[in-house]
């Protein structure tokens, strides 16, 4: 029940509220998360999202007959996300920390994406037809994310919202299929 509430309500509502009142195509979570008064909100958002993915993906991996080769990526994704939301993004005053923040945030997303990709590949080895749509959905998330990046030229809130919510729902649906 808690996973359902988190996937369908907490993450989507918190994500949208976090960026409310801003232009989704001209700013991003890193900028918003380092505005005075929003730092704790940003860290909390990161912890909720990171722990959600960690919990769901670890449970999926444990239920698989043979874990995927790179299942450790889920732990690395969580660690990098924690580093990202706790490292300030203040390029004018702390350029090195801002650069590290960008690397941590980007690599957390890549690790999450790759972990899910390898899980789906492993599942598709035994049931190709059943998991082909899942792989296509993950590919579609990658294509739309690349399009949003190219459209604006920056990692925008629109891209971050899309990636977060689509991955949340995809992981939740897989969690239901495998764990329940």
Protein backbone atom coordinates (compact mmCIF):
# COMPACT_ATOMS: atom_id res chain seq x y z
CA UNK A 1 0.00 0.00 0.00
CA UNK A 2 2.79 2.45 0.89
CA UNK A 3 4.52 1.78 -2.44
CA UNK A 4 1.27 2.46 -4.31
CA UNK A 5 0.67 5.72 -2.46
CA UNK A 6 4.26 6.78 -3.06
CA UNK A 7 4.16 5.94 -6.79
CA UNK A 8 0.75 7.42 -7.57
CA UNK A 9 0.52 10.31 -5.14
CA UNK A 10 3.56 11.31 -3.09
CA UNK A 11 6.17 11.43 -5.87
CA UNK A 12 3.96 13.02 -8.56
CA UNK A 13 2.39 15.60 -6.22
CA UNK A 14 5.67 16.47 -4.46
CA UNK A 15 7.48 16.75 -7.82
CA UNK A 16 4.88 19.10 -9.30
CA UNK A 17 4.60 21.18 -6.13
CA UNK A 18 8.38 21.53 -6.00
CA UNK A 19 8.41 23.30 -9.38
CA UNK A 20 5.12 25.15 -9.02
CA UNK A 21 5.26 28.80 -9.99
CA UNK A 22 8.31 28.35 -12.22
CA UNK A 23 8.85 28.00 -15.95
CA UNK A 24 9.50 24.29 -16.51
CA UNK A 25 11.56 24.97 -19.64
CA UNK A 26 13.81 27.71 -18.27
CA UNK A 27 14.94 26.29 -14.95
CA UNK A 28 15.65 22.95 -13.33
CA UNK A 29 15.57 21.16 -9.99
CA UNK A 30 19.21 22.01 -9.24
CA UNK A 31 18.60 25.75 -9.51
CA UNK A 32 15.31 25.54 -7.60
CA UNK A 33 16.81 23.30 -4.92
CA UNK A 34 19.45 25.88 -4.09
CA UNK A 35 17.11 28.82 -3.67
CA UNK A 36 17.00 29.96 -0.05
CA UNK A 37 14.25 28.12 1.78
CA UNK A 38 14.01 25.28 -0.75
CA UNK A 39 17.17 23.35 0.13
CA UNK A 40 15.49 21.02 2.60
CA UNK A 41 12.54 20.49 0.26
CA UNK A 42 14.98 19.45 -2.48
CA UNK A 43 16.85 17.04 -0.21
CA UNK A 44 13.56 15.51 0.95
CA UNK A 45 12.38 15.12 -2.66
CA UNK A 46 15.65 13.38 -3.53
CA UNK A 47 15.42 11.03 -0.56
CA UNK A 48 11.81 10.09 -1.30
CA UNK A 49 12.52 9.40 -4.97
CA UNK A 50 15.84 7.66 -4.33
CA UNK A 51 14.51 5.40 -1.59
CA UNK A 52 11.44 4.55 -3.67
CA UNK A 53 13.55 3.36 -6.60
CA UNK A 54 15.99 1.57 -4.31
CA UNK A 55 13.23 -0.26 -2.44
CA UNK A 56 11.25 -1.29 -5.53
CA UNK A 57 14.21 -2.33 -7.65
CA UNK A 58 15.88 -4.28 -4.83
CA UNK A 59 12.61 -6.16 -4.23
CA UNK A 60 12.31 -6.91 -7.95
CA UNK A 61 15.91 -8.13 -8.11
CA UNK A 62 15.42 -10.38 -5.07
CA UNK A 63 12.42 -12.05 -6.72
CA UNK A 64 14.27 -12.81 -9.95
CA UNK A 65 15.58 -16.37 -10.35
CA UNK A 66 18.96 -14.96 -11.35
CA UNK A 67 19.86 -11.35 -10.59
CA UNK A 68 21.00 -9.20 -13.50
CA UNK A 69 24.73 -8.64 -13.91
CA UNK A 70 24.70 -4.99 -12.91
CA UNK A 71 22.14 -5.01 -10.08
CA UNK A 72 24.60 -3.01 -7.93
CA UNK A 73 23.72 0.01 -10.07
CA UNK A 74 20.58 0.57 -7.98
CA UNK A 75 22.70 1.16 -4.87
CA UNK A 76 25.07 3.41 -6.80
CA UNK A 77 22.10 5.40 -8.18
CA UNK A 78 20.80 6.03 -4.65
CA UNK A 79 24.23 7.06 -3.38
CA UNK A 80 24.78 9.43 -6.32
CA UNK A 81 21.33 10.97 -5.86
CA UNK A 82 22.06 11.62 -2.18
CA UNK A 83 25.36 13.24 -3.20
CA UNK A 84 23.53 15.31 -5.84
CA UNK A 85 20.83 16.72 -3.55
CA UNK A 86 23.30 17.45 -0.75
CA UNK A 87 25.96 19.08 -2.95
CA UNK A 88 25.09 22.72 -3.60
CA UNK A 89 24.56 23.93 -7.12
CA UNK A 90 25.92 27.45 -6.89
CA UNK A 91 28.06 27.88 -10.03
CA UNK A 92 28.94 31.53 -9.35
CA UNK A 93 30.28 31.00 -5.82
CA UNK A 94 31.09 27.26 -5.68
CA UNK A 95 31.93 26.20 -9.26
CA UNK A 96 33.61 22.89 -8.34
CA UNK A 97 30.71 21.80 -6.13
CA UNK A 98 28.25 22.87 -8.83
CA UNK A 99 30.14 20.77 -11.38
CA UNK A 100 30.14 17.77 -9.01
CA UNK A 101 26.41 18.28 -8.39
CA UNK A 102 25.76 18.03 -12.15
CA UNK A 103 27.90 14.89 -12.47
CA UNK A 104 26.22 13.23 -9.46
CA UNK A 105 22.70 14.04 -10.68
CA UNK A 106 23.36 12.93 -14.25
CA UNK A 107 25.10 9.72 -13.23
CA UNK A 108 22.33 8.86 -10.74
CA UNK A 109 19.80 9.00 -13.58
CA UNK A 110 22.06 6.97 -15.89
CA UNK A 111 22.61 4.31 -13.22
CA UNK A 112 18.87 4.07 -12.53
CA UNK A 113 18.10 3.79 -16.24
CA UNK A 114 20.80 1.15 -16.83
CA UNK A 115 19.77 -0.87 -13.79
CA UNK A 116 16.20 -1.05 -15.04
CA UNK A 117 17.43 -1.85 -18.56
CA UNK A 118 19.52 -4.79 -17.30
CA UNK A 119 16.65 -6.05 -15.15
CA UNK A 120 14.34 -6.01 -18.17
CA UNK A 121 16.94 -7.67 -20.38
CA UNK A 122 17.37 -10.47 -17.85
CA UNK A 123 13.60 -10.93 -17.59
CA UNK A 124 13.29 -10.90 -21.40
CA UNK A 125 15.79 -13.76 -21.69
CA UNK A 126 13.12 -16.14 -20.40
CA UNK A 127 9.98 -14.34 -21.61
CA UNK A 128 10.92 -12.24 -24.64
CA UNK A 129 7.37 -11.50 -25.77
CA UNK A 130 6.20 -10.57 -22.28
CA UNK A 131 9.00 -8.06 -21.64
CA UNK A 132 9.43 -6.57 -25.11
CA UNK A 133 6.79 -3.87 -24.38
CA UNK A 134 8.64 -3.01 -21.16
CA UNK A 135 11.89 -2.52 -23.06
CA UNK A 136 10.07 -0.44 -25.66
CA UNK A 137 8.57 1.74 -22.91
CA UNK A 138 12.03 2.27 -21.43
CA UNK A 139 13.33 3.14 -24.90
CA UNK A 140 10.48 5.61 -25.35
CA UNK A 141 11.41 7.27 -22.05
CA UNK A 142 14.96 7.66 -23.36
CA UNK A 143 13.79 9.11 -26.70
CA UNK A 144 11.38 11.60 -25.12
CA UNK A 145 14.02 12.61 -22.56
CA UNK A 146 16.53 13.21 -25.37
CA UNK A 147 13.91 15.21 -27.27
CA UNK A 148 13.19 17.41 -24.22
CA UNK A 149 16.93 17.96 -23.76
CA UNK A 150 17.38 18.91 -27.43
CA UNK A 151 14.26 21.08 -27.44
CA UNK A 152 15.46 23.35 -24.65
CA UNK A 153 19.20 22.77 -24.68
CA UNK A 154 19.40 22.27 -20.91
CA UNK A 155 18.29 19.69 -18.40
CA UNK A 156 15.04 21.47 -17.63
CA UNK A 157 12.39 20.90 -15.00
CA UNK A 158 10.17 19.57 -17.80
CA UNK A 159 12.74 16.87 -18.55
CA UNK A 160 13.27 16.09 -14.87
CA UNK A 161 9.52 15.86 -14.23
CA UNK A 162 8.98 13.61 -17.24
CA UNK A 163 11.89 11.31 -16.39
CA UNK A 164 11.00 11.07 -12.70
CA UNK A 165 7.30 10.40 -13.20
CA UNK A 166 7.62 8.02 -16.16
CA UNK A 167 10.35 5.98 -14.45
CA UNK A 168 8.34 5.95 -11.21
CA UNK A 169 5.30 4.50 -12.97
CA UNK A 170 7.29 2.04 -15.07
CA UNK A 171 9.13 0.71 -12.02
CA UNK A 172 5.88 0.52 -10.05
CA UNK A 173 4.13 -1.49 -12.77
CA UNK A 174 7.12 -3.85 -12.94
CA UNK A 175 7.15 -4.08 -9.15
CA UNK A 176 3.49 -5.17 -9.23
CA UNK A 177 4.18 -7.75 -11.92
CA UNK A 178 7.22 -9.30 -10.21
CA UNK A 179 6.66 -8.83 -6.47
CA UNK A 180 2.94 -9.33 -6.09
